[in-house]
């Protein structure tokens, strides 16, 4: 996780130039965490009601990252 944190801080220096970092953070990392949460909920190890706030957080992260990536790509194209 430290590596991803450093990568995101590096992307923060020039966010428009490094907008693709959002996609490689969203799909392998956040998607796998969401899948793991679904599997835990299905196995009844943790009640789904206890995982509900985490699912809301994942939804917010997905929406924010996708919208930021779209905005960044448009900004990158307009600067070129």
Protein backbone atom coordinates (compact mmCIF):
# COMPACT_ATOMS: atom_id res chain seq x y z
CA UNK A 1 0.00 0.00 0.00
CA UNK A 2 2.92 2.33 0.59
CA UNK A 3 3.90 1.96 -3.05
CA UNK A 4 0.44 3.00 -4.24
CA UNK A 5 0.47 5.95 -1.85
CA UNK A 6 3.81 7.15 -3.20
CA UNK A 7 2.54 6.66 -6.76
CA UNK A 8 -0.56 8.76 -6.05
CA UNK A 9 1.51 11.53 -4.46
CA UNK A 10 3.79 11.46 -7.52
CA UNK A 11 0.72 11.82 -9.75
CA UNK A 12 -0.44 14.73 -7.61
CA UNK A 13 2.53 16.81 -8.79
CA UNK A 14 1.24 16.90 -12.39
CA UNK A 15 -2.31 15.52 -12.22
CA UNK A 16 -3.32 16.20 -15.82
CA UNK A 17 -0.18 14.67 -17.28
CA UNK A 18 -0.54 11.58 -15.08
CA UNK A 19 -4.30 11.08 -15.25
CA UNK A 20 -3.83 7.46 -16.35
CA UNK A 21 -2.59 6.65 -12.83
CA UNK A 22 -6.23 6.85 -11.76
CA UNK A 23 -7.18 3.94 -13.99
CA UNK A 24 -4.40 1.66 -12.82
CA UNK A 25 -5.36 2.51 -9.25
CA UNK A 26 -9.07 2.05 -9.78
CA UNK A 27 -9.23 -1.23 -11.61
CA UNK A 28 -6.67 -3.51 -10.01
CA UNK A 29 -6.70 -2.07 -6.50
CA UNK A 30 -10.19 -0.77 -5.75
CA UNK A 31 -11.93 -3.40 -7.86
CA UNK A 32 -10.16 -6.25 -6.09
CA UNK A 33 -11.02 -4.73 -2.70
CA UNK A 34 -14.68 -4.49 -3.73
CA UNK A 35 -14.70 -8.09 -4.99
CA UNK A 36 -13.12 -9.26 -1.73
CA UNK A 37 -15.83 -7.43 0.23
CA UNK A 38 -18.55 -9.10 -1.85
CA UNK A 39 -17.00 -12.53 -1.27
CA UNK A 40 -16.82 -11.89 2.47
CA UNK A 41 -20.46 -10.81 2.48
CA UNK A 42 -21.50 -13.92 0.54
CA UNK A 43 -19.65 -16.19 2.93
CA UNK A 44 -21.46 -14.62 5.90
CA UNK A 45 -18.21 -14.01 7.74
CA UNK A 46 -19.27 -10.40 8.21
CA UNK A 47 -22.85 -9.21 8.00
CA UNK A 48 -23.72 -7.32 4.87
CA UNK A 49 -25.13 -4.48 6.96
CA UNK A 50 -21.67 -3.98 8.46
CA UNK A 51 -20.12 -3.85 4.98
CA UNK A 52 -22.70 -1.46 3.56
CA UNK A 53 -20.72 1.73 4.43
CA UNK A 54 -17.68 0.25 2.69
CA UNK A 55 -19.74 -0.46 -0.45
CA UNK A 56 -20.93 3.15 -0.42
CA UNK A 57 -17.31 4.29 -0.14
CA UNK A 58 -16.27 2.07 -3.06
CA UNK A 59 -19.12 3.49 -5.15
CA UNK A 60 -18.04 7.06 -4.35
CA UNK A 61 -14.40 6.22 -5.16
CA UNK A 62 -15.38 4.62 -8.48
CA UNK A 63 -17.52 7.59 -9.52
CA UNK A 64 -14.91 10.14 -8.44
CA UNK A 65 -12.04 8.36 -10.19
CA UNK A 66 -13.95 7.81 -13.43
CA UNK A 67 -15.20 11.39 -13.59
CA UNK A 68 -11.72 12.71 -12.75
CA UNK A 69 -10.18 10.54 -15.45
CA UNK A 70 -12.67 11.78 -18.04
CA UNK A 71 -12.07 15.39 -17.03
CA UNK A 72 -8.30 14.87 -17.07
CA UNK A 73 -8.33 13.28 -20.52
CA UNK A 74 -10.37 16.19 -21.89
CA UNK A 75 -8.02 18.69 -20.28
CA UNK A 76 -5.00 16.83 -21.65
CA UNK A 77 -6.44 16.91 -25.18
CA UNK A 78 -7.29 20.62 -24.98
CA UNK A 79 -3.73 21.47 -23.89
CA UNK A 80 -2.19 19.58 -26.82
